[in-house]
N, C-alpha and C. Protein backbone atom coordinates (compact mmCIF):
# COMPACT_ATOMS: atom_id res chain seq x y z
N UNK A 1 211.27 50.81 124.33
CA UNK A 1 210.05 51.60 124.16
C UNK A 1 209.12 51.25 125.30
N UNK A 2 208.69 52.27 126.02
CA UNK A 2 207.81 52.00 127.16
C UNK A 2 206.37 51.84 126.70
N UNK A 3 205.60 51.22 127.51
CA UNK A 3 204.18 50.99 127.18
C UNK A 3 203.37 52.23 127.49
N UNK A 4 202.44 52.58 126.54
CA UNK A 4 201.57 53.73 126.75
C UNK A 4 200.52 53.37 127.80
N UNK A 5 200.21 54.36 128.65
CA UNK A 5 199.26 54.13 129.73
C UNK A 5 198.18 55.20 129.73
N UNK A 6 197.04 54.87 130.16
CA UNK A 6 196.00 55.86 130.38
C UNK A 6 195.66 55.93 131.86
N UNK A 7 196.22 54.99 132.63
CA UNK A 7 196.01 54.96 134.07
C UNK A 7 197.30 55.41 134.77
N UNK A 8 197.17 56.11 135.83
CA UNK A 8 198.34 56.52 136.62
C UNK A 8 199.13 57.66 136.00
N UNK A 9 198.59 58.38 135.01
CA UNK A 9 199.28 59.53 134.40
C UNK A 9 199.16 60.73 135.34
N UNK A 10 200.01 61.70 135.11
CA UNK A 10 199.96 62.94 135.89
C UNK A 10 198.65 63.66 135.64
N UNK A 11 198.29 64.53 136.55
CA UNK A 11 197.02 65.24 136.45
C UNK A 11 196.98 66.06 135.16
N UNK A 12 195.88 65.98 134.45
CA UNK A 12 195.72 66.72 133.19
C UNK A 12 196.22 65.97 131.98
N UNK A 13 196.84 64.81 132.20
CA UNK A 13 197.38 64.02 131.10
C UNK A 13 196.46 62.83 130.85
N UNK A 14 196.03 62.69 129.58
CA UNK A 14 195.13 61.60 129.23
C UNK A 14 195.87 60.34 128.79
N UNK A 15 197.09 60.51 128.28
CA UNK A 15 197.86 59.36 127.80
C UNK A 15 199.33 59.63 128.09
N UNK A 16 200.04 58.65 128.64
CA UNK A 16 201.43 58.87 129.02
C UNK A 16 202.25 57.61 128.85
N UNK A 17 203.55 57.77 128.97
CA UNK A 17 204.45 56.62 128.95
C UNK A 17 205.52 56.84 130.01
N UNK A 18 206.11 55.73 130.47
CA UNK A 18 207.13 55.83 131.52
C UNK A 18 208.38 56.53 131.00
N UNK A 19 208.67 56.37 129.73
CA UNK A 19 209.90 56.91 129.15
C UNK A 19 209.73 58.35 128.68
N UNK A 20 208.59 58.73 128.07
CA UNK A 20 208.40 60.06 127.48
C UNK A 20 207.40 60.94 128.21
N UNK A 21 206.92 60.54 129.36
CA UNK A 21 205.98 61.36 130.10
C UNK A 21 204.64 61.43 129.40
N UNK A 22 204.02 62.61 129.43
CA UNK A 22 202.69 62.73 128.83
C UNK A 22 202.76 62.74 127.32
N UNK A 23 201.84 62.03 126.70
CA UNK A 23 201.76 61.98 125.23
C UNK A 23 200.55 62.75 124.71
N UNK A 24 199.51 62.87 125.54
CA UNK A 24 198.32 63.63 125.14
C UNK A 24 197.72 64.26 126.39
N UNK A 25 197.49 65.57 126.29
CA UNK A 25 196.93 66.30 127.43
C UNK A 25 195.41 66.36 127.33
N UNK A 26 194.80 66.70 128.44
CA UNK A 26 193.34 66.89 128.47
C UNK A 26 193.00 68.13 127.65
N UNK A 27 191.77 68.23 127.13
CA UNK A 27 191.36 69.42 126.39
C UNK A 27 191.59 70.69 127.21
N UNK A 28 191.88 71.80 126.51
CA UNK A 28 192.15 73.12 127.08
C UNK A 28 193.57 73.24 127.64
N UNK A 29 194.26 72.14 127.85
CA UNK A 29 195.64 72.20 128.32
C UNK A 29 196.61 72.12 127.14
N UNK A 30 197.81 72.64 127.36
CA UNK A 30 198.85 72.63 126.32
C UNK A 30 199.92 71.62 126.68
N UNK A 31 200.40 70.89 125.70
CA UNK A 31 201.50 69.97 125.95
C UNK A 31 202.81 70.65 125.59
N UNK A 32 203.75 70.55 126.51
CA UNK A 32 205.08 71.12 126.31
C UNK A 32 206.08 69.98 126.29
N UNK A 33 206.85 69.92 125.24
CA UNK A 33 207.86 68.87 125.11
C UNK A 33 209.22 69.43 125.52
N UNK A 34 209.78 68.88 126.56
CA UNK A 34 211.09 69.30 127.06
C UNK A 34 212.11 68.21 126.80
N UNK A 35 213.29 68.62 126.33
CA UNK A 35 214.33 67.62 126.05
C UNK A 35 215.16 67.37 127.30
N UNK A 36 215.32 66.12 127.61
CA UNK A 36 216.12 65.70 128.75
C UNK A 36 217.12 64.66 128.24
N UNK A 37 218.32 65.15 127.98
CA UNK A 37 219.35 64.30 127.39
C UNK A 37 218.84 63.80 126.03
N UNK A 38 218.68 62.50 125.84
CA UNK A 38 218.19 62.00 124.56
C UNK A 38 216.68 61.79 124.58
N UNK A 39 216.08 62.05 125.72
CA UNK A 39 214.62 61.85 125.84
C UNK A 39 213.87 63.15 125.67
N UNK A 40 212.67 63.07 125.19
CA UNK A 40 211.77 64.22 125.09
C UNK A 40 210.58 63.95 126.00
N UNK A 41 210.45 64.77 127.04
CA UNK A 41 209.43 64.56 128.06
C UNK A 41 208.27 65.51 127.84
N UNK A 42 207.06 64.99 127.83
CA UNK A 42 205.87 65.82 127.66
C UNK A 42 205.22 66.14 128.99
N UNK A 43 204.86 67.42 129.20
CA UNK A 43 204.12 67.83 130.39
C UNK A 43 202.93 68.68 129.95
N UNK A 44 201.89 68.72 130.76
CA UNK A 44 200.67 69.47 130.43
C UNK A 44 200.59 70.74 131.26
N UNK A 45 200.27 71.85 130.62
CA UNK A 45 200.23 73.16 131.28
C UNK A 45 198.98 73.93 130.87
N UNK A 46 198.44 74.75 131.76
CA UNK A 46 197.28 75.58 131.41
C UNK A 46 197.66 76.70 130.43
N UNK A 47 198.92 77.14 130.44
CA UNK A 47 199.41 78.15 129.49
C UNK A 47 200.90 77.89 129.24
N UNK A 48 201.37 78.38 128.14
CA UNK A 48 202.77 78.11 127.77
C UNK A 48 203.73 79.01 128.53
N UNK A 49 204.94 78.56 128.83
CA UNK A 49 205.93 79.37 129.58
C UNK A 49 206.57 80.42 128.69
N UNK A 50 207.45 81.23 129.29
CA UNK A 50 208.17 82.26 128.54
C UNK A 50 209.01 81.62 127.44
N UNK A 51 209.02 82.28 126.31
CA UNK A 51 209.78 81.76 125.18
C UNK A 51 208.98 80.83 124.30
N UNK A 52 207.69 80.61 124.65
CA UNK A 52 206.81 79.73 123.87
C UNK A 52 205.49 80.45 123.61
N UNK A 53 204.77 80.00 122.61
CA UNK A 53 203.41 80.48 122.38
C UNK A 53 202.49 79.27 122.21
N UNK A 54 201.23 79.46 122.56
CA UNK A 54 200.28 78.35 122.50
C UNK A 54 199.61 78.24 121.14
N UNK A 55 199.64 77.05 120.58
CA UNK A 55 198.99 76.78 119.30
C UNK A 55 197.87 75.77 119.53
N UNK A 56 196.65 76.22 119.33
CA UNK A 56 195.50 75.36 119.59
C UNK A 56 195.12 74.57 118.33
N UNK A 57 194.91 73.28 118.51
CA UNK A 57 194.48 72.39 117.43
C UNK A 57 193.32 71.55 117.93
N UNK A 58 192.54 71.03 117.00
CA UNK A 58 191.45 70.13 117.39
C UNK A 58 192.00 68.85 117.97
N UNK A 59 193.17 68.46 117.49
CA UNK A 59 193.79 67.23 117.98
C UNK A 59 194.38 67.44 119.37
N UNK A 60 195.26 68.45 119.48
CA UNK A 60 195.91 68.71 120.77
C UNK A 60 196.55 70.09 120.74
N UNK A 61 196.47 70.79 121.87
CA UNK A 61 197.10 72.10 121.99
C UNK A 61 198.57 71.94 122.32
N UNK A 62 199.42 72.72 121.62
CA UNK A 62 200.86 72.56 121.81
C UNK A 62 201.53 73.89 122.17
N UNK A 63 202.63 73.79 122.89
CA UNK A 63 203.49 74.94 123.15
C UNK A 63 204.63 74.91 122.14
N UNK A 64 204.73 75.99 121.34
CA UNK A 64 205.76 76.07 120.29
C UNK A 64 206.79 77.12 120.70
N UNK A 65 208.05 76.80 120.53
CA UNK A 65 209.13 77.72 120.92
C UNK A 65 209.21 78.91 119.98
N UNK A 66 209.41 80.10 120.56
CA UNK A 66 209.59 81.31 119.75
C UNK A 66 210.89 81.21 118.97
N UNK A 67 210.86 81.65 117.72
CA UNK A 67 212.05 81.60 116.88
C UNK A 67 212.73 82.96 116.76
N UNK A 68 212.24 83.96 117.52
CA UNK A 68 212.78 85.31 117.42
C UNK A 68 213.88 85.49 118.46
N UNK A 69 214.99 86.05 118.03
CA UNK A 69 216.14 86.23 118.92
C UNK A 69 215.80 87.20 120.05
N UNK A 70 216.21 86.87 121.25
CA UNK A 70 216.03 87.70 122.45
C UNK A 70 214.56 87.93 122.81
N UNK A 71 213.69 87.04 122.39
CA UNK A 71 212.26 87.18 122.69
C UNK A 71 211.91 86.37 123.94
N UNK A 72 211.14 87.01 124.84
CA UNK A 72 210.73 86.34 126.07
C UNK A 72 209.38 85.67 125.92
N UNK A 73 208.47 86.30 125.21
CA UNK A 73 207.19 85.66 124.90
C UNK A 73 206.74 86.14 123.53
N UNK A 74 206.00 85.27 122.83
CA UNK A 74 205.62 85.61 121.46
C UNK A 74 204.17 85.23 121.17
N UNK A 75 203.63 85.87 120.15
CA UNK A 75 202.26 85.61 119.73
C UNK A 75 202.22 84.46 118.72
N UNK A 76 203.26 84.40 117.91
CA UNK A 76 203.42 83.32 116.94
C UNK A 76 204.91 83.04 116.81
N UNK A 77 205.26 82.11 116.00
CA UNK A 77 206.66 81.71 115.87
C UNK A 77 207.57 82.89 115.53
N UNK A 78 207.07 83.83 114.71
CA UNK A 78 207.90 84.94 114.23
C UNK A 78 207.39 86.31 114.64
N UNK A 79 206.59 86.39 115.73
CA UNK A 79 206.10 87.70 116.19
C UNK A 79 206.19 87.76 117.71
N UNK A 80 207.15 88.55 118.19
CA UNK A 80 207.40 88.66 119.63
C UNK A 80 206.42 89.65 120.27
N UNK A 81 206.02 89.36 121.50
CA UNK A 81 205.15 90.28 122.25
C UNK A 81 205.86 90.87 123.46
N UNK A 82 206.98 90.27 123.85
CA UNK A 82 207.77 90.80 124.96
C UNK A 82 209.22 90.37 124.79
N UNK A 83 210.11 91.36 124.86
CA UNK A 83 211.54 91.07 124.69
C UNK A 83 212.20 90.84 126.04
N UNK A 84 213.40 90.31 125.98
CA UNK A 84 214.17 90.14 127.20
C UNK A 84 214.51 91.51 127.79
N UNK A 85 214.81 91.52 129.08
CA UNK A 85 215.02 92.78 129.81
C UNK A 85 216.10 93.63 129.14
N UNK A 86 215.78 94.93 129.02
CA UNK A 86 216.73 95.89 128.44
C UNK A 86 216.61 96.07 126.95
N UNK A 87 215.74 95.29 126.29
CA UNK A 87 215.57 95.41 124.84
C UNK A 87 214.20 96.01 124.51
N UNK A 88 214.14 96.68 123.36
CA UNK A 88 212.91 97.34 122.93
C UNK A 88 212.16 96.48 121.92
N UNK A 89 210.86 96.50 122.04
CA UNK A 89 209.99 95.73 121.13
C UNK A 89 209.46 96.65 120.03
N UNK A 90 209.61 96.20 118.79
CA UNK A 90 209.10 96.98 117.66
C UNK A 90 208.63 96.04 116.56
N UNK A 91 207.34 96.05 116.29
CA UNK A 91 206.74 95.24 115.24
C UNK A 91 207.15 93.76 115.33
N UNK A 92 207.07 93.23 116.55
CA UNK A 92 207.32 91.81 116.73
C UNK A 92 208.77 91.41 116.77
N UNK A 93 209.70 92.40 116.83
CA UNK A 93 211.13 92.10 116.89
C UNK A 93 211.74 92.83 118.08
N UNK A 94 212.95 92.40 118.47
CA UNK A 94 213.63 92.99 119.62
C UNK A 94 214.86 93.77 119.17
N UNK A 95 215.02 95.00 119.73
CA UNK A 95 216.12 95.87 119.33
C UNK A 95 216.81 96.45 120.56
N UNK A 96 218.09 96.79 120.39
CA UNK A 96 218.84 97.45 121.47
C UNK A 96 218.30 98.86 121.67
N UNK A 97 217.95 99.55 120.57
CA UNK A 97 217.31 100.87 120.61
C UNK A 97 216.18 100.88 119.59
N UNK A 98 215.26 101.79 119.76
CA UNK A 98 214.16 101.89 118.80
C UNK A 98 214.70 102.32 117.44
N UNK A 99 214.13 101.81 116.36
CA UNK A 99 214.57 102.23 115.01
C UNK A 99 214.41 103.73 114.83
N UNK A 100 215.13 104.27 113.86
CA UNK A 100 215.08 105.72 113.59
C UNK A 100 213.66 106.18 113.31
N UNK A 101 213.28 107.28 113.95
CA UNK A 101 211.93 107.82 113.76
C UNK A 101 210.91 107.29 114.74
N UNK A 102 211.33 106.37 115.63
CA UNK A 102 210.42 105.79 116.62
C UNK A 102 210.97 106.04 118.03
N UNK A 103 210.09 106.03 119.01
CA UNK A 103 210.53 106.24 120.39
C UNK A 103 209.73 105.35 121.33
N UNK A 104 210.30 105.09 122.51
CA UNK A 104 209.62 104.25 123.51
C UNK A 104 208.39 104.99 124.02
N UNK A 105 207.26 104.31 124.05
CA UNK A 105 205.99 104.94 124.44
C UNK A 105 205.85 104.99 125.96
N UNK A 106 205.72 106.22 126.48
CA UNK A 106 205.42 106.43 127.90
C UNK A 106 206.32 105.64 128.84
N UNK A 107 207.61 105.64 128.56
CA UNK A 107 208.55 104.98 129.46
C UNK A 107 208.55 103.47 129.39
N UNK A 108 207.81 102.88 128.46
CA UNK A 108 207.80 101.43 128.32
C UNK A 108 208.95 101.00 127.42
N UNK A 109 209.06 99.72 127.18
CA UNK A 109 210.09 99.19 126.29
C UNK A 109 209.51 98.85 124.92
N UNK A 110 208.38 99.48 124.61
CA UNK A 110 207.75 99.26 123.30
C UNK A 110 207.88 100.53 122.46
N UNK A 111 208.41 100.36 121.26
CA UNK A 111 208.57 101.52 120.37
C UNK A 111 207.22 101.90 119.79
N UNK A 112 206.90 103.18 119.91
CA UNK A 112 205.60 103.65 119.43
C UNK A 112 205.62 103.84 117.92
N UNK A 113 204.50 104.30 117.40
CA UNK A 113 204.40 104.65 115.99
C UNK A 113 205.39 105.77 115.71
N UNK A 114 205.63 106.08 114.45
CA UNK A 114 206.58 107.16 114.16
C UNK A 114 206.29 108.38 115.00
N UNK A 115 207.36 108.99 115.52
CA UNK A 115 207.21 110.15 116.40
C UNK A 115 206.29 111.17 115.75
N UNK A 116 205.37 111.71 116.54
CA UNK A 116 204.39 112.64 116.01
C UNK A 116 205.00 114.02 115.82
N UNK A 117 205.77 114.14 114.76
CA UNK A 117 206.39 115.42 114.42
C UNK A 117 205.50 116.13 113.40
N UNK A 118 205.37 117.40 113.58
CA UNK A 118 204.61 118.18 112.59
C UNK A 118 205.60 118.76 111.59
N UNK A 119 205.46 118.32 110.34
CA UNK A 119 206.41 118.72 109.31
C UNK A 119 205.74 119.64 108.28
N UNK A 120 206.51 120.54 107.70
CA UNK A 120 205.99 121.37 106.62
C UNK A 120 205.93 120.55 105.33
N UNK A 121 205.30 121.10 104.31
CA UNK A 121 205.28 120.43 103.01
C UNK A 121 206.68 120.48 102.40
N UNK A 122 206.96 119.53 101.53
CA UNK A 122 208.24 119.55 100.83
C UNK A 122 208.32 120.77 99.92
N UNK A 123 209.47 121.40 99.88
CA UNK A 123 209.68 122.50 98.96
C UNK A 123 209.96 121.96 97.56
N UNK A 124 210.09 122.84 96.58
CA UNK A 124 210.35 122.37 95.20
C UNK A 124 211.75 121.79 95.09
N UNK A 125 211.94 120.94 94.09
CA UNK A 125 213.26 120.37 93.84
C UNK A 125 214.20 121.47 93.36
N UNK A 126 215.40 121.47 93.88
CA UNK A 126 216.40 122.45 93.47
C UNK A 126 216.99 122.11 92.12
N UNK A 127 217.86 122.97 91.60
CA UNK A 127 218.48 122.70 90.30
C UNK A 127 219.41 121.49 90.36
N UNK A 128 219.58 120.86 89.23
CA UNK A 128 220.48 119.71 89.12
C UNK A 128 221.92 120.23 89.21
N UNK A 129 222.69 119.68 90.11
CA UNK A 129 224.06 120.16 90.31
C UNK A 129 225.01 119.01 90.55
N UNK A 130 226.30 119.30 90.42
CA UNK A 130 227.34 118.32 90.70
C UNK A 130 228.56 119.07 91.20
N UNK A 131 228.97 118.73 92.42
CA UNK A 131 230.10 119.41 93.06
C UNK A 131 229.91 120.91 93.06
N UNK A 132 228.65 121.31 93.36
CA UNK A 132 228.26 122.72 93.48
C UNK A 132 228.30 123.47 92.14
N UNK A 133 228.40 122.73 91.06
CA UNK A 133 228.37 123.35 89.74
C UNK A 133 227.05 123.04 89.06
N UNK A 134 226.58 123.96 88.25
CA UNK A 134 225.30 123.80 87.56
C UNK A 134 225.48 123.49 86.08
N UNK A 135 226.73 123.31 85.64
CA UNK A 135 226.98 123.05 84.22
C UNK A 135 228.21 122.18 84.08
N UNK A 136 228.44 121.70 82.87
CA UNK A 136 229.63 120.91 82.61
C UNK A 136 229.51 119.45 82.98
N UNK A 137 228.28 118.95 83.18
CA UNK A 137 228.07 117.54 83.53
C UNK A 137 226.75 117.08 82.93
N UNK A 138 226.55 115.78 82.94
CA UNK A 138 225.29 115.21 82.43
C UNK A 138 224.43 114.66 83.54
N UNK A 139 225.05 113.96 84.52
CA UNK A 139 224.31 113.38 85.64
C UNK A 139 224.75 114.01 86.95
N UNK A 140 223.77 114.40 87.77
CA UNK A 140 224.08 115.02 89.05
C UNK A 140 223.03 114.69 90.09
N UNK A 141 222.86 115.56 91.06
CA UNK A 141 221.86 115.38 92.11
C UNK A 141 221.03 116.64 92.28
N UNK A 142 219.80 116.44 92.71
CA UNK A 142 218.95 117.57 93.07
C UNK A 142 218.31 117.25 94.42
N UNK A 143 218.03 118.27 95.21
CA UNK A 143 217.46 118.02 96.53
C UNK A 143 216.29 118.96 96.82
N UNK A 144 215.53 118.59 97.84
CA UNK A 144 214.45 119.44 98.32
C UNK A 144 214.42 119.34 99.83
N UNK A 145 213.85 120.31 100.48
CA UNK A 145 213.86 120.36 101.94
C UNK A 145 212.47 120.66 102.49
N UNK A 146 212.33 120.37 103.77
CA UNK A 146 211.13 120.74 104.52
C UNK A 146 211.55 121.08 105.94
N UNK A 147 210.67 121.70 106.70
CA UNK A 147 211.01 122.15 108.03
C UNK A 147 210.25 121.35 109.09
N UNK A 148 210.83 121.27 110.28
CA UNK A 148 210.16 120.67 111.43
C UNK A 148 209.37 121.78 112.12
N UNK A 149 208.06 121.69 112.08
CA UNK A 149 207.23 122.72 112.69
C UNK A 149 207.07 122.47 114.19
N UNK A 150 206.97 121.19 114.56
CA UNK A 150 206.82 120.85 115.98
C UNK A 150 207.36 119.44 116.22
N UNK A 151 208.14 119.28 117.27
CA UNK A 151 208.71 117.98 117.62
C UNK A 151 208.24 117.56 119.01
N UNK A 152 207.98 116.27 119.24
CA UNK A 152 207.55 115.82 120.56
C UNK A 152 208.64 116.05 121.59
N UNK A 153 208.28 116.73 122.67
CA UNK A 153 209.22 117.04 123.77
C UNK A 153 210.40 117.87 123.27
N UNK A 154 210.23 118.50 122.11
CA UNK A 154 211.29 119.34 121.57
C UNK A 154 212.48 118.57 121.03
N UNK A 155 212.38 117.26 120.93
CA UNK A 155 213.49 116.44 120.45
C UNK A 155 213.37 116.22 118.95
N UNK A 156 214.10 117.01 118.17
CA UNK A 156 214.00 116.94 116.71
C UNK A 156 214.63 115.67 116.16
N UNK A 157 215.46 114.98 116.98
CA UNK A 157 216.11 113.75 116.50
C UNK A 157 215.09 112.63 116.27
N UNK A 158 213.89 112.76 116.84
CA UNK A 158 212.85 111.75 116.66
C UNK A 158 212.05 111.97 115.38
N UNK A 159 212.28 113.09 114.73
CA UNK A 159 211.51 113.43 113.54
C UNK A 159 212.16 112.84 112.28
N UNK A 160 211.36 112.66 111.23
CA UNK A 160 211.92 112.15 109.97
C UNK A 160 212.84 113.16 109.30
N UNK A 161 213.47 112.74 108.23
CA UNK A 161 214.47 113.57 107.53
C UNK A 161 213.85 114.85 106.98
N UNK A 162 214.65 115.91 106.96
CA UNK A 162 214.19 117.20 106.43
C UNK A 162 214.77 117.47 105.03
N UNK A 163 215.64 116.59 104.57
CA UNK A 163 216.24 116.75 103.24
C UNK A 163 216.10 115.45 102.46
N UNK A 164 215.80 115.59 101.18
CA UNK A 164 215.66 114.43 100.31
C UNK A 164 216.47 114.69 99.05
N UNK A 165 217.24 113.70 98.63
CA UNK A 165 218.13 113.84 97.46
C UNK A 165 217.80 112.76 96.44
N UNK A 166 217.83 113.12 95.17
CA UNK A 166 217.63 112.13 94.11
C UNK A 166 218.54 112.46 92.94
N UNK A 167 218.79 111.46 92.11
CA UNK A 167 219.63 111.63 90.93
C UNK A 167 218.88 112.39 89.85
N UNK A 168 219.61 113.10 89.03
CA UNK A 168 218.98 113.84 87.93
C UNK A 168 219.91 113.83 86.72
N UNK A 169 219.31 114.01 85.55
CA UNK A 169 220.06 114.02 84.29
C UNK A 169 219.71 115.29 83.52
N UNK A 170 220.71 115.96 83.02
CA UNK A 170 220.48 117.19 82.24
C UNK A 170 221.26 117.11 80.94
N UNK A 171 220.92 118.00 80.02
CA UNK A 171 221.66 118.07 78.77
C UNK A 171 222.99 118.76 79.05
N UNK A 172 224.07 118.09 78.75
CA UNK A 172 225.38 118.64 79.09
C UNK A 172 225.63 119.95 78.37
N UNK A 173 226.03 120.96 79.13
CA UNK A 173 226.31 122.28 78.54
C UNK A 173 227.63 122.79 79.10
N UNK A 174 228.30 123.60 78.30
CA UNK A 174 229.59 124.13 78.73
C UNK A 174 229.38 125.27 79.73
N UNK A 175 230.23 125.31 80.75
CA UNK A 175 230.12 126.35 81.76
C UNK A 175 230.52 127.70 81.17
N UNK A 176 229.89 128.81 81.65
CA UNK A 176 230.24 130.15 81.13
C UNK A 176 231.72 130.45 81.26
N UNK A 177 232.34 130.05 82.39
CA UNK A 177 233.76 130.32 82.53
C UNK A 177 234.57 129.58 81.49
N UNK A 178 234.07 128.39 81.12
CA UNK A 178 234.72 127.61 80.07
C UNK A 178 234.64 128.34 78.74
N UNK A 179 233.45 128.93 78.48
CA UNK A 179 233.27 129.69 77.24
C UNK A 179 234.17 130.91 77.23
N UNK A 180 234.24 131.59 78.41
CA UNK A 180 235.09 132.78 78.49
C UNK A 180 236.55 132.43 78.25
N UNK A 181 236.98 131.30 78.86
CA UNK A 181 238.36 130.86 78.67
C UNK A 181 238.65 130.60 77.20
N UNK A 182 237.66 129.91 76.58
CA UNK A 182 237.84 129.57 75.17
C UNK A 182 237.94 130.85 74.33
N UNK A 183 237.06 131.85 74.66
CA UNK A 183 237.08 133.11 73.92
C UNK A 183 238.39 133.84 74.16
N UNK A 184 238.85 133.81 75.44
CA UNK A 184 240.12 134.49 75.75
C UNK A 184 241.27 133.85 74.99
N UNK A 185 241.28 132.50 74.98
CA UNK A 185 242.34 131.80 74.25
C UNK A 185 242.27 132.11 72.76
N UNK A 186 241.03 132.15 72.24
CA UNK A 186 240.85 132.47 70.83
C UNK A 186 241.32 133.89 70.55
N UNK A 187 240.96 134.81 71.51
CA UNK A 187 241.36 136.21 71.35
C UNK A 187 242.87 136.35 71.37
N UNK A 188 243.53 135.62 72.30
CA UNK A 188 244.99 135.67 72.37
C UNK A 188 245.62 135.16 71.08
N UNK A 189 245.02 134.07 70.58
CA UNK A 189 245.54 133.50 69.35
C UNK A 189 245.36 134.48 68.19
N UNK A 190 244.17 135.14 68.14
CA UNK A 190 243.91 136.12 67.09
C UNK A 190 244.89 137.29 67.20
N UNK A 191 245.14 137.73 68.48
CA UNK A 191 246.07 138.85 68.68
C UNK A 191 247.47 138.47 68.23
N UNK A 192 247.87 137.25 68.56
CA UNK A 192 249.20 136.77 68.16
C UNK A 192 249.32 136.75 66.64
N UNK A 193 248.26 136.20 66.02
CA UNK A 193 248.27 136.15 64.55
C UNK A 193 248.26 137.55 63.97
N UNK A 194 247.44 138.46 64.61
CA UNK A 194 247.35 139.84 64.12
C UNK A 194 248.68 140.55 64.24
N UNK A 195 249.34 140.36 65.41
CA UNK A 195 250.65 140.99 65.61
C UNK A 195 251.67 140.48 64.62
N UNK A 196 251.58 139.14 64.39
CA UNK A 196 252.51 138.56 63.44
C UNK A 196 252.28 139.14 62.04
N UNK A 197 250.98 139.26 61.66
CA UNK A 197 250.66 139.81 60.34
C UNK A 197 251.09 141.25 60.22
N UNK A 198 250.84 142.02 61.35
CA UNK A 198 251.24 143.43 61.32
C UNK A 198 252.75 143.57 61.20
N UNK A 199 253.45 142.67 61.91
CA UNK A 199 254.90 142.71 61.86
C UNK A 199 255.41 142.39 60.45
N UNK A 200 254.76 141.37 59.87
CA UNK A 200 255.17 141.01 58.51
C UNK A 200 254.92 142.15 57.56
N UNK A 201 253.75 142.81 57.73
CA UNK A 201 253.40 143.95 56.86
C UNK A 201 254.39 145.09 57.07
N UNK A 202 254.72 145.33 58.38
CA UNK A 202 255.65 146.42 58.70
C UNK A 202 257.02 146.13 58.11
N UNK A 203 257.43 144.85 58.25
CA UNK A 203 258.73 144.49 57.69
C UNK A 203 258.74 144.64 56.18
N UNK A 204 257.61 144.29 55.56
CA UNK A 204 257.52 144.40 54.11
C UNK A 204 257.60 145.86 53.68
N UNK A 205 256.87 146.74 54.45
CA UNK A 205 256.89 148.18 54.12
C UNK A 205 258.28 148.75 54.32
N UNK A 206 258.91 148.28 55.42
CA UNK A 206 260.26 148.77 55.72
C UNK A 206 261.23 148.40 54.60
N UNK A 207 261.07 147.21 54.08
CA UNK A 207 261.94 146.75 53.00
C UNK A 207 261.72 147.58 51.75
N UNK A 208 260.44 147.89 51.49
CA UNK A 208 260.11 148.70 50.30
C UNK A 208 260.74 150.08 50.41
N UNK A 209 260.62 150.68 51.64
CA UNK A 209 261.18 152.01 51.86
C UNK A 209 262.69 152.00 51.65
N UNK A 210 263.33 150.95 52.16
CA UNK A 210 264.79 150.87 52.02
C UNK A 210 265.19 150.79 50.56
N UNK A 211 264.43 149.98 49.82
CA UNK A 211 264.75 149.85 48.40
C UNK A 211 264.58 151.18 47.68
N UNK A 212 263.48 151.94 48.00
CA UNK A 212 263.24 153.24 47.37
C UNK A 212 264.33 154.22 47.74
N UNK A 213 264.73 154.16 49.04
CA UNK A 213 265.76 155.09 49.51
C UNK A 213 267.07 154.84 48.77
N UNK A 214 267.37 153.58 48.56
CA UNK A 214 268.59 153.26 47.83
C UNK A 214 268.54 153.77 46.40
N UNK A 215 267.30 153.63 45.82
CA UNK A 215 267.16 154.09 44.44
C UNK A 215 267.31 155.60 44.35
N UNK A 216 266.71 156.35 45.35
CA UNK A 216 266.81 157.81 45.33
C UNK A 216 268.24 158.26 45.59
N UNK A 217 268.95 157.54 46.38
CA UNK A 217 270.33 157.95 46.75
C UNK A 217 271.39 157.46 45.78
N UNK A 218 271.03 156.82 44.68
CA UNK A 218 272.02 156.30 43.73
C UNK A 218 272.66 157.44 42.94
N UNK A 219 273.95 157.44 42.75
CA UNK A 219 274.68 158.51 42.02
C UNK A 219 274.87 158.07 40.57
N UNK A 220 274.43 158.98 39.66
CA UNK A 220 274.57 158.68 38.22
C UNK A 220 275.96 159.13 37.78
N UNK A 221 276.76 158.31 37.23
CA UNK A 221 278.13 158.75 36.83
C UNK A 221 278.08 159.85 35.74
N UNK A 222 278.88 160.92 35.90
CA UNK A 222 278.87 162.05 34.94
C UNK A 222 279.65 161.67 33.68
N UNK A 223 279.11 162.13 32.55
CA UNK A 223 279.79 161.85 31.26
C UNK A 223 280.65 163.06 30.87
N UNK A 224 281.86 162.88 30.70
CA UNK A 224 282.77 164.04 30.38
C UNK A 224 282.54 164.48 28.93
N UNK A 225 282.45 165.80 28.75
CA UNK A 225 282.17 166.34 27.39
C UNK A 225 283.47 166.30 26.55
N UNK A 226 283.28 166.00 25.39
CA UNK A 226 284.45 165.98 24.50
C UNK A 226 284.88 167.44 24.19
N UNK A 227 286.17 167.76 24.15
CA UNK A 227 286.62 169.17 23.84
C UNK A 227 286.23 169.55 22.44
N UNK A 228 285.83 170.80 22.36
CA UNK A 228 285.37 171.28 21.04
C UNK A 228 286.59 171.55 20.19
N UNK A 229 286.42 171.04 19.07
CA UNK A 229 287.50 171.26 18.13
C UNK A 229 287.36 172.63 17.52
């Protein structure tokens, strides 16, 4: 452990050691701790370098490393103010492209507020449907739409969605075609039964006629008269 010194320190450093460099910087300066192998060396700076932000304290001002991925400079540990080259900045984070509905402002690498698209009001919700059917189910979807009235630079891809879908529940009802099928099947069954009944009736009448015909066609045997004496 090296001895702390207040004499012979680097400019702007009020307290230092031979092993760890500066331990306390002069007021208004920031101390930056850099790791060198197993040692941590302190240096004093008027402002923090890229990848760090300055945290002022009554005790001592410090440079704190940004914790945001691909951030070049930050306002706080978790809020980036400038991303590495080629990346877009949006709400303190770095992105390969601006999030949906946002665009780079005036050729910069900062994503602006949601694109200023002029949208119409939402239309009414459509009927509850499922697989393009309006009956024969209990749970389905309904949607509503709106139009893009004006898009920045004519690029509609920067505008928000024009369709919105939500789940819906209805009282399950049978489809008309289902009812027609059922009626047709019932009608066929009734016709079959009717034909069968008519056939049975016809057969019964035919049997009656045959029996009557046999009775009418029966020959009564003649009785021979006895000779008169």
